Protein backbone atom coordinates (compact mmCIF):
# COMPACT_ATOMS: atom_id res chain seq x y z
CA MET A 1 62.95 22.24 -6.60
CA GLU A 2 60.46 24.40 -4.78
CA ASN A 3 59.26 25.83 -8.12
CA LYS A 4 58.71 22.30 -9.43
CA ASN A 5 56.68 21.38 -6.38
CA SER A 6 54.56 24.52 -6.73
CA LYS A 7 53.87 23.73 -10.38
CA THR A 8 52.87 20.16 -9.47
CA ALA A 9 50.56 21.44 -6.75
CA LEU A 10 48.96 23.89 -9.19
CA LEU A 11 48.37 21.15 -11.76
CA GLU A 12 46.81 18.96 -9.11
CA ALA A 13 44.55 21.82 -8.01
CA ILE A 14 43.47 22.42 -11.60
CA LYS A 15 42.87 18.70 -12.04
CA ASP A 16 40.77 18.60 -8.86
CA GLU A 17 38.83 21.65 -9.96
CA ILE A 18 38.10 20.11 -13.36
CA SER A 19 36.90 16.89 -11.71
CA THR A 20 34.46 18.87 -9.56
CA VAL A 21 32.79 20.41 -12.60
CA ARG A 22 32.32 17.20 -14.53
CA PHE A 23 28.70 16.35 -15.09
CA ARG A 24 26.56 13.60 -16.53
CA GLU A 25 23.95 13.40 -19.21
CA GLY A 26 20.50 13.94 -17.72
CA GLU A 27 21.83 16.33 -15.09
CA ILE A 28 20.16 19.72 -14.52
CA VAL A 29 22.52 22.69 -14.85
CA GLU A 30 22.21 26.47 -14.75
CA ALA A 31 22.65 28.07 -18.19
CA GLU A 32 23.04 31.76 -19.10
CA LEU A 33 21.86 32.88 -22.54
CA ILE A 34 24.64 34.46 -24.60
CA ARG A 35 23.17 34.43 -28.11
CA LYS A 36 20.03 33.53 -30.06
CA THR A 37 19.85 32.64 -33.75
CA PRO A 38 17.03 31.21 -35.87
CA ARG A 39 18.73 27.81 -35.72
CA GLY A 40 19.80 27.68 -32.10
CA ALA A 41 20.31 29.29 -28.73
CA PHE A 42 23.74 29.36 -27.08
CA PHE A 43 24.29 29.28 -23.34
CA ASP A 44 27.26 29.90 -21.07
CA LEU A 45 27.71 26.96 -18.72
CA GLY A 46 30.67 28.53 -16.90
CA LYS A 47 33.49 26.10 -16.41
CA LEU A 48 31.41 23.44 -18.16
CA GLY A 49 31.79 25.20 -21.50
CA THR A 50 29.14 26.35 -23.96
CA GLY A 51 25.76 24.73 -24.41
CA ILE A 52 23.37 24.79 -27.33
CA VAL A 53 19.67 24.20 -27.83
CA TYR A 54 18.82 23.39 -31.43
CA GLY A 55 16.80 21.16 -33.71
CA ALA A 56 13.82 19.42 -32.12
CA GLU A 57 14.82 20.71 -28.68
CA LEU A 58 14.68 24.29 -29.94
CA SER A 59 11.23 23.64 -31.38
CA ASN A 60 10.02 22.12 -28.10
CA ALA A 61 11.37 25.08 -26.13
CA ARG A 62 10.48 27.84 -28.59
CA ASP A 63 8.13 29.60 -26.14
CA ILE A 64 10.76 29.48 -23.40
CA VAL A 65 13.53 30.82 -25.65
CA LYS A 66 11.34 33.67 -26.92
CA LYS A 67 10.99 35.04 -23.39
CA LEU A 68 14.74 34.90 -22.67
CA ASN A 69 17.07 37.88 -23.08
CA VAL A 70 20.86 37.76 -23.24
CA GLY A 71 22.12 37.35 -19.67
CA ASP A 72 19.01 35.55 -18.44
CA LYS A 73 19.60 32.32 -16.59
CA VAL A 74 17.52 29.18 -16.95
CA SER A 75 17.64 25.53 -15.89
CA ALA A 76 18.66 23.12 -18.65
CA ARG A 77 19.11 19.38 -18.87
CA VAL A 78 22.29 17.96 -20.35
CA GLU A 79 21.39 15.75 -23.31
CA THR A 80 24.84 15.15 -24.86
CA ILE A 81 28.19 16.17 -23.36
CA ASP A 82 30.24 16.07 -26.58
CA GLY A 83 27.73 17.35 -29.08
CA GLU A 84 28.11 18.74 -32.57
CA GLY A 85 30.83 21.37 -32.81
CA GLY A 86 32.03 20.53 -29.33
CA TYR A 87 29.00 22.12 -27.72
CA VAL A 88 27.10 20.60 -24.83
CA GLU A 89 23.62 19.81 -26.18
CA LEU A 90 20.85 20.98 -23.85
CA SER A 91 17.12 20.63 -23.41
CA LEU A 92 15.08 23.37 -21.77
CA ALA A 93 11.71 21.66 -22.09
CA GLU A 94 12.89 18.43 -20.48
CA ALA A 95 14.63 20.37 -17.71
CA GLY A 96 11.33 22.02 -16.87
CA LYS A 97 9.54 18.67 -16.76
CA GLN A 98 12.29 17.13 -14.67
CA LYS A 99 12.06 19.93 -12.13
CA LEU A 100 8.30 19.39 -11.91
CA TRP A 101 8.82 15.67 -11.31
CA GLN A 102 11.34 16.54 -8.60
CA GLN A 103 8.78 18.84 -6.97
CA ALA A 104 6.19 16.05 -7.14
CA GLN A 105 8.70 13.70 -5.49
CA GLU A 106 9.25 16.24 -2.70
CA LEU A 107 5.49 16.50 -2.16
CA GLN A 108 5.32 12.75 -1.73
CA GLU A 109 8.27 12.61 0.64
CA ASN A 110 6.94 15.48 2.77
CA GLY A 111 3.37 14.15 2.76
CA GLU A 112 2.05 17.58 1.81
CA VAL A 113 -1.60 18.17 0.95
CA VAL A 114 -2.07 20.03 -2.32
CA LYS A 115 -5.07 21.20 -4.30
CA VAL A 116 -5.53 19.79 -7.80
CA LYS A 117 -8.08 20.53 -10.49
CA ILE A 118 -10.01 17.59 -11.90
CA THR A 119 -9.63 17.58 -15.69
CA GLY A 120 -11.24 14.31 -16.72
CA ALA A 121 -12.90 11.08 -15.61
CA ASN A 122 -13.16 7.46 -16.65
CA GLN A 123 -14.47 4.27 -15.09
CA SER A 124 -11.19 3.74 -13.24
CA GLY A 125 -10.95 7.14 -11.59
CA LEU A 126 -10.21 10.82 -12.14
CA LEU A 127 -7.58 12.72 -14.12
CA ALA A 128 -6.07 15.85 -12.60
CA ASP A 129 -3.49 18.56 -13.15
CA LEU A 130 -0.68 18.69 -10.59
CA LEU A 131 2.12 21.24 -11.16
CA GLY A 132 1.35 21.02 -14.87
CA LEU A 133 1.80 17.24 -14.84
CA LYS A 134 -0.96 14.73 -15.56
CA ALA A 135 -1.97 12.92 -12.38
CA PHE A 136 -4.34 10.02 -11.79
CA LEU A 137 -6.69 9.65 -8.83
CA PRO A 138 -7.82 6.00 -8.77
CA LEU A 139 -11.33 5.04 -7.75
CA SER A 140 -9.92 3.25 -4.70
CA GLN A 141 -8.23 6.47 -3.52
CA LEU A 142 -11.33 8.67 -3.58
CA SER A 143 -12.89 9.93 -0.38
CA GLN A 144 -16.22 8.36 0.51
CA GLU A 145 -17.85 11.68 -0.39
CA HIS A 146 -16.71 11.35 -4.00
CA TYR A 147 -16.81 7.56 -4.27
CA PRO A 148 -19.58 6.43 -6.67
CA LYS A 149 -21.93 4.16 -4.75
CA THR A 150 -22.08 1.45 -7.40
CA THR A 151 -20.16 -1.61 -8.57
CA PRO A 152 -18.43 -2.18 -11.94
CA THR A 153 -21.20 -4.04 -13.73
CA GLU A 154 -22.17 -3.14 -17.27
CA ALA A 155 -25.21 -1.20 -16.08
CA SER A 156 -23.50 0.55 -13.20
CA GLU A 157 -20.25 1.43 -14.99
CA GLN A 158 -22.11 4.13 -16.89
CA LYS A 159 -23.63 5.44 -13.65
CA SER A 160 -20.18 5.44 -12.07
CA SER A 161 -18.68 7.30 -15.03
CA ASP A 162 -21.49 9.87 -15.03
CA PHE A 163 -21.07 10.41 -11.29
CA LEU A 164 -17.34 11.02 -11.67
CA LYS A 165 -17.83 13.38 -14.61
CA ASN A 166 -19.72 15.71 -12.28
CA LEU A 167 -16.42 16.33 -10.49
CA ILE A 168 -14.65 17.71 -13.59
CA GLY A 169 -13.62 21.31 -12.98
CA GLN A 170 -13.67 20.96 -9.20
CA GLU A 171 -10.65 21.33 -6.94
CA VAL A 172 -9.90 18.62 -4.40
CA GLY A 173 -7.19 18.18 -1.79
CA VAL A 174 -4.84 15.23 -2.36
CA LYS A 175 -1.56 13.66 -1.35
CA VAL A 176 0.99 12.28 -3.82
CA ILE A 177 1.44 8.53 -3.25
CA ALA A 178 3.47 7.40 -6.30
CA VAL A 179 5.92 9.17 -8.61
CA ASN A 180 7.55 7.45 -11.61
CA PRO A 181 8.86 9.90 -14.26
CA ARG A 182 10.14 7.12 -16.54
CA ALA A 183 6.69 5.56 -16.73
CA ASN A 184 5.10 9.00 -16.73
CA LYS A 185 3.04 7.86 -13.74
CA LEU A 186 1.86 10.22 -11.03
CA ILE A 187 -0.68 8.74 -8.59
CA ILE A 188 -2.54 10.89 -6.07
CA SER A 189 -4.92 10.06 -3.24
CA GLU A 190 -7.81 11.86 -1.60
CA ARG A 191 -8.26 9.10 0.97
CA GLU A 192 -4.76 9.51 2.38
CA ILE A 193 -5.64 12.96 3.74
CA LEU A 194 -8.31 11.53 6.01
CA ALA A 195 -6.54 8.25 6.69
CA ALA A 196 -4.32 9.51 9.52
CA ASN A 197 -7.19 11.29 11.27
CA VAL A 198 -9.58 8.36 10.82
CA LYS A 199 -6.95 5.90 12.09
CA GLU A 200 -6.64 7.99 15.23
CA LEU A 201 -10.42 8.13 15.66
CA LEU A 202 -10.70 4.37 15.16
CA ASN A 203 -8.43 3.84 18.17
CA ALA A 204 -11.51 4.52 20.30
CA TYR A 205 -13.29 1.48 18.81
CA LYS A 206 -12.69 -2.25 18.91
CA VAL A 207 -13.79 -5.33 17.00
CA GLY A 208 -17.03 -6.69 18.40
CA GLN A 209 -18.31 -3.28 19.44
CA ASP A 210 -21.85 -2.25 18.43
CA VAL A 211 -22.35 1.29 17.13
CA ASP A 212 -25.20 3.43 15.86
CA GLY A 213 -24.96 4.49 12.24
CA ILE A 214 -26.71 6.19 9.37
CA VAL A 215 -26.84 4.64 5.88
CA SER A 216 -24.78 7.06 3.78
CA GLY A 217 -24.59 5.07 0.56
CA ILE A 218 -25.88 1.94 -1.12
CA ALA A 219 -23.89 -0.03 -3.68
CA ASP A 220 -24.44 -3.34 -5.41
CA PHE A 221 -21.74 -4.83 -3.16
CA GLY A 222 -22.99 -3.48 0.16
CA ILE A 223 -23.94 -0.54 2.35
CA PHE A 224 -21.88 2.44 3.51
CA VAL A 225 -22.63 3.44 7.09
CA ARG A 226 -21.47 6.66 8.77
CA PHE A 227 -20.97 6.58 12.55
CA VAL A 228 -23.44 8.77 14.45
CA ASP A 229 -20.92 9.75 17.14
CA ASN A 230 -18.04 10.24 14.65
CA PRO A 231 -19.37 11.24 11.19
CA GLN A 232 -15.82 11.26 9.77
CA ILE A 233 -15.81 7.47 10.11
CA GLU A 234 -17.63 5.58 7.40
CA GLY A 235 -17.62 1.80 7.30
CA LEU A 236 -18.77 -0.85 4.85
CA VAL A 237 -21.35 -3.54 5.42
CA HIS A 238 -20.62 -6.07 2.67
CA ILE A 239 -23.72 -7.58 1.05
CA SER A 240 -22.89 -10.92 2.69
CA GLU A 241 -23.05 -9.23 6.11
CA ILE A 242 -26.54 -7.74 5.71
CA ASP A 243 -28.63 -10.80 6.51
CA HIS A 244 -28.43 -14.55 7.01
CA ARG A 245 -30.40 -14.99 3.80
CA ILE A 246 -29.08 -14.19 0.31
CA ILE A 247 -29.60 -10.53 -0.59
CA ASP A 248 -29.52 -9.68 -4.27
CA ASN A 249 -29.81 -5.92 -3.86
CA PRO A 250 -29.15 -4.00 -0.60
CA LYS A 251 -31.94 -1.59 -1.55
CA GLU A 252 -34.36 -4.35 -0.63
CA VAL A 253 -33.29 -3.95 2.99
CA VAL A 254 -32.23 -0.34 3.66
CA ALA A 255 -32.61 3.19 2.35
CA ILE A 256 -30.32 6.24 2.36
CA ASP A 257 -30.31 8.13 5.72
CA GLN A 258 -31.89 5.16 7.49
CA PRO A 259 -30.61 4.63 11.08
CA VAL A 260 -28.99 1.22 11.55
CA LYS A 261 -27.27 -0.64 14.34
CA VAL A 262 -24.04 -2.30 13.22
CA ARG A 263 -21.27 -4.39 14.75
CA ILE A 264 -17.58 -3.81 14.02
CA ILE A 265 -16.12 -7.04 12.61
CA ASP A 266 -12.71 -5.74 11.44
CA ILE A 267 -10.52 -2.62 11.56
CA LYS A 268 -7.68 -2.57 9.05
CA ASP A 269 -5.47 0.14 7.51
CA GLY A 270 -7.77 2.94 8.60
CA ARG A 271 -10.86 1.17 7.28
CA VAL A 272 -13.68 -0.35 9.29
CA PHE A 273 -15.84 -3.28 8.25
CA LEU A 274 -19.29 -3.75 9.72
CA SER A 275 -22.07 -6.31 10.01
CA ILE A 276 -25.82 -6.07 10.45
CA LYS A 277 -26.49 -9.80 10.46
CA ALA A 278 -24.10 -10.26 13.41
CA LEU A 279 -26.75 -8.53 15.54
CA LYS A 280 -29.45 -10.95 14.40
CA GLU A 281 -30.14 -14.42 15.72
CA ASP A 282 -28.83 -17.03 13.32
CA PRO A 283 -31.90 -18.97 12.14
CA TRP A 284 -29.69 -21.73 10.71
CA GLN A 285 -28.91 -22.97 14.20
CA ASN A 286 -32.42 -24.41 14.44
CA VAL A 287 -33.09 -25.11 10.76
CA SER A 288 -33.12 -28.89 11.29
CA GLU A 289 -36.11 -28.54 13.58
CA ARG A 290 -38.15 -27.03 10.75
CA TYR A 291 -36.94 -28.79 7.60
CA LYS A 292 -36.13 -32.44 6.95
CA ALA A 293 -34.91 -34.37 3.91
CA GLY A 294 -37.90 -35.62 1.91
CA GLN A 295 -40.18 -32.89 3.22
CA GLU A 296 -42.48 -31.16 0.72
CA VAL A 297 -42.28 -27.34 0.83
CA GLY A 298 -43.67 -24.40 -1.10
CA GLY A 299 -41.54 -21.59 -2.49
CA LYS A 300 -41.12 -18.78 -5.00
CA VAL A 301 -38.16 -17.99 -7.23
CA TYR A 302 -36.05 -15.23 -5.70
CA LYS A 303 -33.27 -15.10 -8.29
CA PHE A 304 -31.46 -17.13 -10.91
CA ASN A 305 -27.74 -17.82 -11.07
CA PRO A 306 -25.66 -19.77 -13.61
CA PHE A 307 -26.11 -22.96 -11.59
CA GLY A 308 -29.83 -22.87 -10.90
CA ALA A 309 -32.23 -20.83 -8.80
CA VAL A 310 -32.55 -19.44 -5.28
CA ILE A 311 -35.98 -20.19 -3.83
CA ASP A 312 -37.71 -18.25 -1.04
CA LEU A 313 -39.28 -20.95 1.10
CA GLU A 314 -42.31 -20.64 3.30
CA GLY A 315 -40.88 -19.94 6.73
CA GLY A 316 -38.24 -17.36 5.80
CA PHE A 317 -35.40 -19.62 4.64
CA GLN A 318 -33.98 -20.00 1.15
CA GLY A 319 -33.25 -23.15 -0.79
CA LEU A 320 -31.16 -23.89 -3.84
CA ILE A 321 -32.25 -25.97 -6.81
CA HIS A 322 -29.60 -26.99 -9.32
CA ILE A 323 -30.06 -26.46 -13.05
CA SER A 324 -29.42 -30.18 -13.61
CA GLU A 325 -32.89 -30.81 -12.17
CA PHE A 326 -34.26 -29.37 -15.40
CA GLY A 327 -31.65 -30.37 -17.97
CA GLY A 328 -30.82 -26.81 -18.96
CA ALA A 329 -31.70 -23.11 -18.69
CA GLU A 330 -34.61 -23.18 -21.11
CA GLU A 331 -36.12 -26.22 -19.44
CA MET A 332 -35.78 -24.52 -16.04
CA LYS A 333 -37.50 -21.42 -17.43
CA LYS A 334 -40.37 -23.52 -18.71
CA ALA A 335 -40.70 -25.53 -15.52
CA LEU A 336 -40.79 -22.47 -13.30
CA MET A 337 -43.04 -20.61 -15.76
CA LEU A 338 -41.01 -17.39 -15.80
CA ASN A 339 -40.66 -14.99 -18.69
CA SER A 340 -37.00 -14.25 -18.19
CA LEU A 341 -33.84 -15.81 -16.81
CA SER A 342 -32.54 -12.44 -15.64
CA GLN A 343 -32.39 -11.74 -11.93
CA LEU A 344 -35.76 -10.75 -10.53
CA SER A 345 -36.62 -7.57 -8.68
CA PRO A 346 -38.25 -7.95 -5.26
CA ALA A 347 -41.60 -7.03 -6.83
CA GLU A 348 -41.23 -9.67 -9.54
CA SER A 349 -40.12 -12.20 -6.96
CA SER A 350 -43.16 -11.59 -4.76
CA GLU A 351 -45.45 -11.97 -7.74
CA SER A 352 -43.80 -15.13 -9.06
CA LYS A 353 -45.69 -18.40 -8.93
CA LEU A 354 -45.67 -20.61 -5.84
CA HIS A 355 -44.12 -23.99 -6.65
CA LYS A 356 -43.91 -27.23 -4.76
CA PHE A 357 -40.46 -28.67 -4.01
CA VAL A 358 -39.02 -31.59 -2.13
CA ILE A 359 -36.07 -31.09 0.23
CA ASP A 360 -33.14 -33.21 -0.90
CA SER A 361 -30.83 -32.30 2.00
CA VAL A 362 -30.41 -29.81 4.84
CA LYS A 363 -26.86 -28.67 5.62
CA PRO A 364 -26.88 -26.26 8.59
CA GLU A 365 -23.06 -26.01 8.69
CA GLU A 366 -23.08 -24.75 5.07
CA LYS A 367 -26.32 -22.81 5.50
CA ARG A 368 -27.79 -24.63 2.53
CA ILE A 369 -31.07 -26.35 1.77
CA ILE A 370 -30.91 -28.34 -1.45
CA LEU A 371 -34.19 -28.77 -3.29
CA LYS A 372 -35.67 -30.94 -6.01
CA MET A 373 -38.78 -30.38 -8.04
CA LYS A 374 -41.78 -32.35 -6.83
CA LYS A 375 -42.49 -35.03 -9.41
């Protein structure tokens, strides 16, 4: 009876041991080379049996197999448990990639800063090499130092691309922010390195506070301003926050390295948004004292848009005249005696002809003066 119980216990132990060494396809295992042939490489998987690398997998891992000697151990990925001839089919190349993806995942989880080499550039960002994997550094995740100071218009896209190409070959510090092996997606960020430090620095500031800054960059969409007392902090003055009048190009107003006074209007996710116009008296509060409906005024074309034209009025305000006043774009061009419907430069605007208009309406709450051509 005792012998029977011992045998049962032994069988159960063997069964338990077998269950502990079961594995799944896609799992990484340790494999010891036992034999190489022109058609395949055979590996001892211990209690798991014998594995084989052959066919396309052998071709993909040819360089790896060449360097292996009998007895050498290597990581392998299980492709098929019950393969041809009863062997466990393995992949060495995929195991290597999988380990790299695991390392990338660990970098993300630990928030480590790593150096990557920039290998390419396009209009959306930079391409880099991370652990031998292809990584992407989006435009939005660049540091302000490397961010191209331009917007994605047809003319500026080329400038942006050329600016980014200058970074090819350089090494930059980044953090991993997204890892997706199935989609072959590895996203890195340069901004994340500074984010924690900048967030801490921004704790010393509050919305509504006025600060001294230096213009560090000019883009079509606004102005980058670096804080004088904390140069690590760089905020954005959107083009709509430069002045109470419409600004077509920030270069009309400021220049690089120009000192400016700005007001903090928002602090969000480690980013600070600024305003210059908030420090200026709002002329629209008293616009009704200067302009009335039916009043005749003089003005020059500042810029065209799809709906009409923006007119610089005598007195510093701007008015809008709708394209319907002319019947169409060509008629508007003829009436305003301009050579082109493209947006004007400040020089072209100042040299454009003075026209007479009639104010149709004044809307202070909308900051709009609607004009008509004088008949």
